[in-house]
Amino acid sequence: MENNKINVLFVCGMGMGTSTMAEIGVKNNLNKLHISANVQHTSLGQMESLREWADVVVILKNLFNQITVKEGEFILPVVNVMDGKGIAARIEEIVIQHFPEAKGS
């Protein structure tokens, strides 16, 4: 977390289409929930280089079994990347419990 913003990383197979669509939809919904966030997308292969930066990682469920969750990480496997509202709500739960300074009023 930096400057009272959470860092959210979206991971898909190639790091282009799917994660980009998810990033846009979720970012809009996080704004509506008054959650300050830096968002970025990447491929599964490039995930490791950004893993330390991320407070929350959103990953396609079919890729989830290809990673090892580290202690203290917040990983959200998702099926429907177009459900920006639902994904943002799950991120909000994590923010409220672990990063409350990222949520405004």
C-alpha atoms as a PDB file:
ATOM      1  CA  MET A   1       0.000   0.000   0.000  1.00  0.00           C
ATOM      2  CA  GLU A   2       1.269   3.448  -0.854  1.00  0.00           C
ATOM      3  CA  ASN A   3      -0.198   6.897  -0.205  1.00  0.00           C
ATOM      4  CA  ASN A   4      -3.379   5.390   1.276  1.00  0.00           C
ATOM      5  CA  LYS A   5      -4.041   3.521  -1.974  1.00  0.00           C
ATOM      6  CA  ILE A   6      -4.194  -0.223  -2.294  1.00  0.00           C
ATOM      7  CA  ASN A   7      -2.358  -1.859  -5.168  1.00  0.00           C
ATOM      8  CA  VAL A   8      -4.534  -4.258  -7.150  1.00  0.00           C
ATOM      9  CA  LEU A   9      -3.002  -6.553  -9.746  1.00  0.00           C
ATOM     10  CA  PHE A  10      -5.110  -8.304 -12.395  1.00  0.00           C
ATOM     11  CA  VAL A  11      -3.632 -11.483 -13.834  1.00  0.00           C
ATOM     12  CA  CYS A  12      -4.700 -13.384 -16.941  1.00  0.00           C
ATOM     13  CA  GLY A  13      -3.011 -15.729 -19.367  1.00  0.00           C
ATOM     14  CA  MET A  14      -1.485 -13.155 -21.699  1.00  0.00           C
ATOM     15  CA  GLY A  15      -1.921  -9.964 -19.639  1.00  0.00           C
ATOM     16  CA  MET A  16      -3.808  -8.138 -22.335  1.00  0.00           C
ATOM     17  CA  GLY A  17      -7.493  -8.617 -23.085  1.00  0.00           C
ATOM     18  CA  THR A  18      -9.105 -10.296 -20.110  1.00  0.00           C
ATOM     19  CA  SER A  19      -7.123  -8.578 -17.369  1.00  0.00           C
ATOM     20  CA  THR A  20      -7.492  -5.196 -19.076  1.00  0.00           C
ATOM     21  CA  MET A  21     -11.294  -5.552 -19.198  1.00  0.00           C
ATOM     22  CA  ALA A  22     -11.376  -6.611 -15.551  1.00  0.00           C
ATOM     23  CA  GLU A  23      -9.125  -3.732 -14.529  1.00  0.00           C
ATOM     24  CA  ILE A  24     -11.352  -1.104 -16.143  1.00  0.00           C
ATOM     25  CA  GLY A  25     -14.610  -2.488 -14.729  1.00  0.00           C
ATOM     26  CA  VAL A  26     -13.273  -2.962 -11.224  1.00  0.00           C
ATOM     27  CA  LYS A  27     -11.519   0.417 -11.105  1.00  0.00           C
ATOM     28  CA  ASN A  28     -14.795   2.194 -11.900  1.00  0.00           C
ATOM     29  CA  ASN A  29     -16.600   0.260  -9.184  1.00  0.00           C
ATOM     30  CA  LEU A  30     -13.835   0.840  -6.607  1.00  0.00           C
ATOM     31  CA  ASN A  31     -14.214   4.569  -7.251  1.00  0.00           C
ATOM     32  CA  LYS A  32     -17.944   4.289  -6.544  1.00  0.00           C
ATOM     33  CA  LEU A  33     -17.089   2.547  -3.247  1.00  0.00           C
ATOM     34  CA  HIS A  34     -14.653   5.378  -2.383  1.00  0.00           C
ATOM     35  CA  ILE A  35     -11.670   3.049  -2.419  1.00  0.00           C
ATOM     36  CA  SER A  36      -8.391   4.550  -3.551  1.00  0.00           C
ATOM     37  CA  ALA A  37      -6.481   2.058  -5.668  1.00  0.00           C
ATOM     38  CA  ASN A  38      -3.580   1.757  -8.050  1.00  0.00           C
ATOM     39  CA  VAL A  39      -4.471  -0.915 -10.584  1.00  0.00           C
ATOM     40  CA  GLN A  40      -2.337  -2.774 -13.055  1.00  0.00           C
ATOM     41  CA  HIS A  41      -2.705  -5.847 -15.237  1.00  0.00           C
ATOM     42  CA  THR A  42      -0.208  -8.485 -16.243  1.00  0.00           C
ATOM     43  CA  SER A  43       0.221 -11.987 -17.586  1.00  0.00           C
ATOM     44  CA  LEU A  44       0.661 -15.050 -15.423  1.00  0.00           C
ATOM     45  CA  GLY A  45       4.283 -15.263 -16.573  1.00  0.00           C
ATOM     46  CA  GLN A  46       5.018 -11.687 -15.470  1.00  0.00           C
ATOM     47  CA  MET A  47       3.064 -11.896 -12.206  1.00  0.00           C
ATOM     48  CA  GLU A  48       6.112 -12.652 -10.053  1.00  0.00           C
ATOM     49  CA  SER A  49       7.772  -9.352 -10.950  1.00  0.00           C
ATOM     50  CA  LEU A  50       4.759  -7.429  -9.610  1.00  0.00           C
ATOM     51  CA  ARG A  51       3.725  -9.714  -6.765  1.00  0.00           C
ATOM     52  CA  GLU A  52       5.494  -7.786  -3.987  1.00  0.00           C
ATOM     53  CA  TRP A  53       3.868  -4.553  -5.213  1.00  0.00           C
ATOM     54  CA  ALA A  54       0.330  -5.941  -5.074  1.00  0.00           C
ATOM     55  CA  ASP A  55      -1.864  -5.783  -1.984  1.00  0.00           C
ATOM     56  CA  VAL A  56      -4.608  -7.739  -3.767  1.00  0.00           C
ATOM     57  CA  VAL A  57      -4.204 -10.052  -6.753  1.00  0.00           C
ATOM     58  CA  VAL A  58      -7.241 -10.809  -8.913  1.00  0.00           C
ATOM     59  CA  ILE A  59      -6.621 -13.889 -11.035  1.00  0.00           C
ATOM     60  CA  LEU A  60      -8.725 -16.010 -13.360  1.00  0.00           C
ATOM     61  CA  LYS A  61      -9.924 -19.088 -11.528  1.00  0.00           C
ATOM     62  CA  ASN A  62      -8.559 -21.430 -14.190  1.00  0.00           C
ATOM     63  CA  LEU A  63      -5.057 -19.984 -13.575  1.00  0.00           C
ATOM     64  CA  PHE A  64      -5.293 -20.008  -9.785  1.00  0.00           C
ATOM     65  CA  ASN A  65      -4.045 -23.597  -9.487  1.00  0.00           C
ATOM     66  CA  GLN A  66      -0.826 -22.552 -11.257  1.00  0.00           C
ATOM     67  CA  ILE A  67       0.321 -20.303  -8.424  1.00  0.00           C
ATOM     68  CA  THR A  68       1.287 -20.871  -4.828  1.00  0.00           C
ATOM     69  CA  VAL A  69      -0.384 -18.491  -2.407  1.00  0.00           C
ATOM     70  CA  LYS A  70       2.112 -16.974  -0.016  1.00  0.00           C
ATOM     71  CA  GLU A  71       1.305 -16.269   3.613  1.00  0.00           C
ATOM     72  CA  GLY A  72      -0.376 -12.895   4.036  1.00  0.00           C
ATOM     73  CA  GLU A  73      -1.352 -12.563   0.377  1.00  0.00           C
ATOM     74  CA  PHE A  74      -4.845 -11.645  -0.711  1.00  0.00           C
ATOM     75  CA  ILE A  75      -5.639 -13.581  -3.887  1.00  0.00           C
ATOM     76  CA  LEU A  76      -9.108 -13.407  -5.446  1.00  0.00           C
ATOM     77  CA  PRO A  77      -9.800 -16.112  -8.022  1.00  0.00           C
ATOM     78  CA  VAL A  78     -12.617 -15.014 -10.334  1.00  0.00           C
ATOM     79  CA  VAL A  79     -14.690 -16.716 -13.002  1.00  0.00           C
ATOM     80  CA  ASN A  80     -16.466 -13.735 -14.554  1.00  0.00           C
ATOM     81  CA  VAL A  81     -14.047 -10.861 -15.175  1.00  0.00           C
ATOM     82  CA  MET A  82     -16.935  -8.748 -16.429  1.00  0.00           C
ATOM     83  CA  ASP A  83     -18.442  -8.671 -12.924  1.00  0.00           C
ATOM     84  CA  GLY A  84     -16.650  -5.475 -11.946  1.00  0.00           C
ATOM     85  CA  LYS A  85     -19.190  -4.720  -9.239  1.00  0.00           C
ATOM     86  CA  GLY A  86     -18.862  -8.163  -7.628  1.00  0.00           C
ATOM     87  CA  ILE A  87     -15.056  -8.164  -7.767  1.00  0.00           C
ATOM     88  CA  ALA A  88     -14.937  -4.642  -6.320  1.00  0.00           C
ATOM     89  CA  ALA A  89     -17.225  -5.755  -3.483  1.00  0.00           C
ATOM     90  CA  ARG A  90     -14.831  -8.601  -2.646  1.00  0.00           C
ATOM     91  CA  ILE A  91     -11.901  -6.171  -2.704  1.00  0.00           C
ATOM     92  CA  GLU A  92     -13.883  -3.825  -0.455  1.00  0.00           C
ATOM     93  CA  GLU A  93     -14.192  -6.601   2.162  1.00  0.00           C
ATOM     94  CA  ILE A  94     -10.405  -6.969   2.197  1.00  0.00           C
ATOM     95  CA  VAL A  95      -9.916  -3.204   2.370  1.00  0.00           C
ATOM     96  CA  ILE A  96     -12.280  -2.800   5.320  1.00  0.00           C
ATOM     97  CA  GLN A  97     -10.521  -5.545   7.274  1.00  0.00           C
ATOM     98  CA  HIS A  98      -6.894  -4.967   6.312  1.00  0.00           C
ATOM     99  CA  PHE A  99      -6.426  -1.593   4.564  1.00  0.00           C
ATOM    100  CA  PRO A 100      -9.074   0.744   6.042  1.00  0.00           C
ATOM    101  CA  GLU A 101      -7.018   3.844   5.266  1.00  0.00           C
ATOM    102  CA  ALA A 102      -7.698   3.225   1.543  1.00  0.00           C
ATOM    103  CA  LYS A 103     -11.452   3.707   1.996  1.00  0.00           C
ATOM    104  CA  GLY A 104     -12.798   7.222   2.011  1.00  0.00           C
ATOM    105  CA  SER A 105     -16.250   8.352   2.955  1.00  0.00           C
END
